[in-house]
Structures are given as structure tokens and as C-alpha cells.
Amino acid sequence: MPYKEKPIEKLYYPIGEVAEMLDVPVSTVRFWENEFNILKPMKNKKGNRMFTPEDIRNLKIIHHLLKEEGMTLPGAKKRLSGKREETDYKYEINESLQKIKGLLLDLRDNI
């Protein structure tokens, strides 16, 4: 298997890059920021939102709950406020399975 360079992780990501990572419009990221109190991006001197890797992880969890599990906003808020550890655990499992699936598909395609 070829060597894969680990991507360089930034300390802060602008909202445009975050929206591109999640494949959602920038307005959706702004909306989620207002709706979920776990999202607290920094703002630079210009007032631009700058997201940390922890913010991005929280956004990915929100995206997973809303888009993949089909939860409503109140349902996702309740899940994040009440069962945070369980939600994190399920998200981690989902991410691991997606990576394994990607590796297996790569292997299949290269055979």
C-alpha cells in the first residue's frame, strides 16, 4: 500500500473551509452556530469566524445527527445535551467504520 502523508492540521479554519469539509452552505454553518451552544468559534479582528478542530468535530457530529440520522433540531439539541458521551462514542464508531470501508474499497479497486 502506498505511503499516505498525514494532512497538516491547522489551529483555526475559516468558515468557508469548514462549510466545504461538511459539504453544506456557509449559511448552514452560521445557523448551526446560533442553534447549538457547543459551537463557539473565535472571531478575528475583522469579525470572521475561525473554527478550531474541536469546533469542526462538533459540527461533524451535528451534521451526522441532522443529515445522516435524520434528527430534528430539537432532537439533536436534546441528544447533545443529555447523552453527550454516548453520542461521541457512536460518532467515533461511525467514523472508524467509514475509514475501514474506504480502505477496503481502495483494496478492491487496486486488485
C-alpha atoms as a PDB file:
ATOM      1  CA  MET A   1       0.000   0.000   0.000  1.00  0.00           C
ATOM      2  CA  PRO A   2       1.446   3.414  -0.903  1.00  0.00           C
ATOM      3  CA  TYR A   3       2.559   5.810   1.793  1.00  0.00           C
ATOM      4  CA  LYS A   4      -0.025   8.464   2.602  1.00  0.00           C
ATOM      5  CA  GLU A   5       1.147  11.731   4.071  1.00  0.00           C
ATOM      6  CA  LYS A   6      -0.866  12.826   7.100  1.00  0.00           C
ATOM      7  CA  PRO A   7      -2.596  16.120   6.302  1.00  0.00           C
ATOM      8  CA  ILE A   8      -1.287  19.118   8.174  1.00  0.00           C
ATOM      9  CA  GLU A   9      -3.825  20.214  10.744  1.00  0.00           C
ATOM     10  CA  LYS A  10      -4.355  23.920  11.257  1.00  0.00           C
ATOM     11  CA  LEU A  11      -5.154  25.609  14.536  1.00  0.00           C
ATOM     12  CA  TYR A  12      -8.046  27.574  13.028  1.00  0.00           C
ATOM     13  CA  TYR A  13     -10.182  27.108   9.928  1.00  0.00           C
ATOM     14  CA  PRO A  14     -12.247  29.825   8.222  1.00  0.00           C
ATOM     15  CA  ILE A  15     -15.959  29.238   7.825  1.00  0.00           C
ATOM     16  CA  GLY A  16     -15.650  28.683   4.061  1.00  0.00           C
ATOM     17  CA  GLU A  17     -13.259  25.751   4.527  1.00  0.00           C
ATOM     18  CA  VAL A  18     -15.457  24.293   7.250  1.00  0.00           C
ATOM     19  CA  ALA A  19     -18.534  24.500   5.032  1.00  0.00           C
ATOM     20  CA  GLU A  20     -16.591  22.821   2.221  1.00  0.00           C
ATOM     21  CA  MET A  21     -15.465  19.995   4.568  1.00  0.00           C
ATOM     22  CA  LEU A  22     -19.066  19.319   5.541  1.00  0.00           C
ATOM     23  CA  ASP A  23     -20.438  19.900   2.031  1.00  0.00           C
ATOM     24  CA  VAL A  24     -23.010  22.390   3.300  1.00  0.00           C
ATOM     25  CA  PRO A  25     -23.527  26.104   2.549  1.00  0.00           C
ATOM     26  CA  VAL A  26     -21.803  28.686   4.757  1.00  0.00           C
ATOM     27  CA  SER A  27     -25.227  29.884   5.893  1.00  0.00           C
ATOM     28  CA  THR A  28     -25.930  26.438   7.337  1.00  0.00           C
ATOM     29  CA  VAL A  29     -22.758  26.574   9.444  1.00  0.00           C
ATOM     30  CA  ARG A  30     -23.766  30.041  10.702  1.00  0.00           C
ATOM     31  CA  PHE A  31     -27.259  28.766  11.502  1.00  0.00           C
ATOM     32  CA  TRP A  32     -25.911  25.774  13.432  1.00  0.00           C
ATOM     33  CA  GLU A  33     -23.591  28.101  15.345  1.00  0.00           C
ATOM     34  CA  ASN A  34     -26.619  30.087  16.524  1.00  0.00           C
ATOM     35  CA  GLU A  35     -28.684  26.991  17.318  1.00  0.00           C
ATOM     36  CA  PHE A  36     -26.150  24.839  19.194  1.00  0.00           C
ATOM     37  CA  ASN A  37     -24.406  26.221  22.263  1.00  0.00           C
ATOM     38  CA  ILE A  38     -21.479  23.781  21.918  1.00  0.00           C
ATOM     39  CA  LEU A  39     -20.225  25.810  18.946  1.00  0.00           C
ATOM     40  CA  LYS A  40     -18.192  28.833  19.980  1.00  0.00           C
ATOM     41  CA  PRO A  41     -15.863  29.806  17.130  1.00  0.00           C
ATOM     42  CA  MET A  42     -13.352  32.567  17.694  1.00  0.00           C
ATOM     43  CA  LYS A  43     -13.681  35.753  15.720  1.00  0.00           C
ATOM     44  CA  ASN A  44     -10.645  37.598  14.403  1.00  0.00           C
ATOM     45  CA  LYS A  45     -10.228  41.369  14.298  1.00  0.00           C
ATOM     46  CA  LYS A  46     -12.311  41.548  11.127  1.00  0.00           C
ATOM     47  CA  GLY A  47     -15.095  39.546  12.743  1.00  0.00           C
ATOM     48  CA  ASN A  48     -14.527  36.424  10.635  1.00  0.00           C
ATOM     49  CA  ARG A  49     -15.361  33.152  12.343  1.00  0.00           C
ATOM     50  CA  MET A  50     -12.371  30.898  12.971  1.00  0.00           C
ATOM     51  CA  PHE A  51     -13.149  27.294  13.926  1.00  0.00           C
ATOM     52  CA  THR A  52     -10.867  25.050  15.975  1.00  0.00           C
ATOM     53  CA  PRO A  53     -10.555  21.313  15.276  1.00  0.00           C
ATOM     54  CA  GLU A  54     -12.833  20.723  18.299  1.00  0.00           C
ATOM     55  CA  ASP A  55     -15.475  23.013  16.740  1.00  0.00           C
ATOM     56  CA  ILE A  56     -15.175  21.080  13.490  1.00  0.00           C
ATOM     57  CA  ARG A  57     -15.618  17.786  15.324  1.00  0.00           C
ATOM     58  CA  ASN A  58     -18.759  19.156  16.988  1.00  0.00           C
ATOM     59  CA  LEU A  59     -20.033  20.349  13.614  1.00  0.00           C
ATOM     60  CA  LYS A  60     -19.424  16.897  12.137  1.00  0.00           C
ATOM     61  CA  ILE A  61     -21.422  15.343  14.977  1.00  0.00           C
ATOM     62  CA  ILE A  62     -24.255  17.829  14.392  1.00  0.00           C
ATOM     63  CA  HIS A  63     -24.123  17.116  10.650  1.00  0.00           C
ATOM     64  CA  HIS A  64     -24.249  13.378  11.345  1.00  0.00           C
ATOM     65  CA  LEU A  65     -27.250  13.716  13.657  1.00  0.00           C
ATOM     66  CA  LEU A  66     -29.211  16.011  11.341  1.00  0.00           C
ATOM     67  CA  LYS A  67     -28.323  14.743   7.876  1.00  0.00           C
ATOM     68  CA  GLU A  68     -27.469  11.067   8.311  1.00  0.00           C
ATOM     69  CA  GLU A  69     -29.672  10.070  11.246  1.00  0.00           C
ATOM     70  CA  GLY A  70     -32.485  12.406  10.156  1.00  0.00           C
ATOM     71  CA  MET A  71     -32.997  14.013  13.561  1.00  0.00           C
ATOM     72  CA  THR A  72     -34.786  17.320  14.028  1.00  0.00           C
ATOM     73  CA  LEU A  73     -33.035  20.352  15.529  1.00  0.00           C
ATOM     74  CA  PRO A  74     -34.736  19.936  18.929  1.00  0.00           C
ATOM     75  CA  GLY A  75     -33.916  16.214  18.887  1.00  0.00           C
ATOM     76  CA  ALA A  76     -30.247  16.846  18.103  1.00  0.00           C
ATOM     77  CA  LYS A  77     -30.048  19.517  20.817  1.00  0.00           C
ATOM     78  CA  LYS A  78     -31.561  17.129  23.331  1.00  0.00           C
ATOM     79  CA  ARG A  79     -29.191  14.326  22.309  1.00  0.00           C
ATOM     80  CA  LEU A  80     -26.139  16.579  22.614  1.00  0.00           C
ATOM     81  CA  SER A  81     -27.174  17.993  25.970  1.00  0.00           C
ATOM     82  CA  GLY A  82     -28.247  14.735  27.565  1.00  0.00           C
ATOM     83  CA  LYS A  83     -26.237  11.867  26.137  1.00  0.00           C
ATOM     84  CA  ARG A  84     -23.038  13.570  25.019  1.00  0.00           C
ATOM     85  CA  GLU A  85     -20.661  10.671  25.786  1.00  0.00           C
ATOM     86  CA  GLU A  86     -22.904   8.158  24.034  1.00  0.00           C
ATOM     87  CA  THR A  87     -23.244  10.447  21.019  1.00  0.00           C
ATOM     88  CA  ASP A  88     -19.456  10.934  20.842  1.00  0.00           C
ATOM     89  CA  TYR A  89     -18.907   7.192  21.107  1.00  0.00           C
ATOM     90  CA  LYS A  90     -21.374   6.392  18.323  1.00  0.00           C
ATOM     91  CA  TYR A  91     -19.837   9.097  16.138  1.00  0.00           C
ATOM     92  CA  GLU A  92     -16.332   7.678  16.676  1.00  0.00           C
ATOM     93  CA  ILE A  93     -17.548   4.196  15.735  1.00  0.00           C
ATOM     94  CA  ASN A  94     -19.203   5.569  12.606  1.00  0.00           C
ATOM     95  CA  GLU A  95     -16.010   7.425  11.604  1.00  0.00           C
ATOM     96  CA  SER A  96     -13.894   4.293  12.144  1.00  0.00           C
ATOM     97  CA  LEU A  97     -16.243   2.185  10.054  1.00  0.00           C
ATOM     98  CA  GLN A  98     -16.215   4.766   7.248  1.00  0.00           C
ATOM     99  CA  LYS A  99     -12.388   4.717   7.208  1.00  0.00           C
ATOM    100  CA  ILE A 100     -12.338   0.913   7.126  1.00  0.00           C
ATOM    101  CA  LYS A 101     -14.867   0.938   4.296  1.00  0.00           C
ATOM    102  CA  GLY A 102     -12.687   3.381   2.355  1.00  0.00           C
ATOM    103  CA  LEU A 103      -9.612   1.195   2.837  1.00  0.00           C
ATOM    104  CA  LEU A 104     -11.477  -1.919   1.735  1.00  0.00           C
ATOM    105  CA  LEU A 105     -12.813  -0.148  -1.352  1.00  0.00           C
ATOM    106  CA  ASP A 106      -9.271   1.001  -2.189  1.00  0.00           C
ATOM    107  CA  LEU A 107      -8.011  -2.553  -1.837  1.00  0.00           C
ATOM    108  CA  ARG A 108     -10.799  -3.865  -4.043  1.00  0.00           C
ATOM    109  CA  ASP A 109     -10.139  -1.275  -6.721  1.00  0.00           C
ATOM    110  CA  ASN A 110      -6.377  -1.934  -6.737  1.00  0.00           C
ATOM    111  CA  ILE A 111      -6.659  -5.709  -7.127  1.00  0.00           C
END
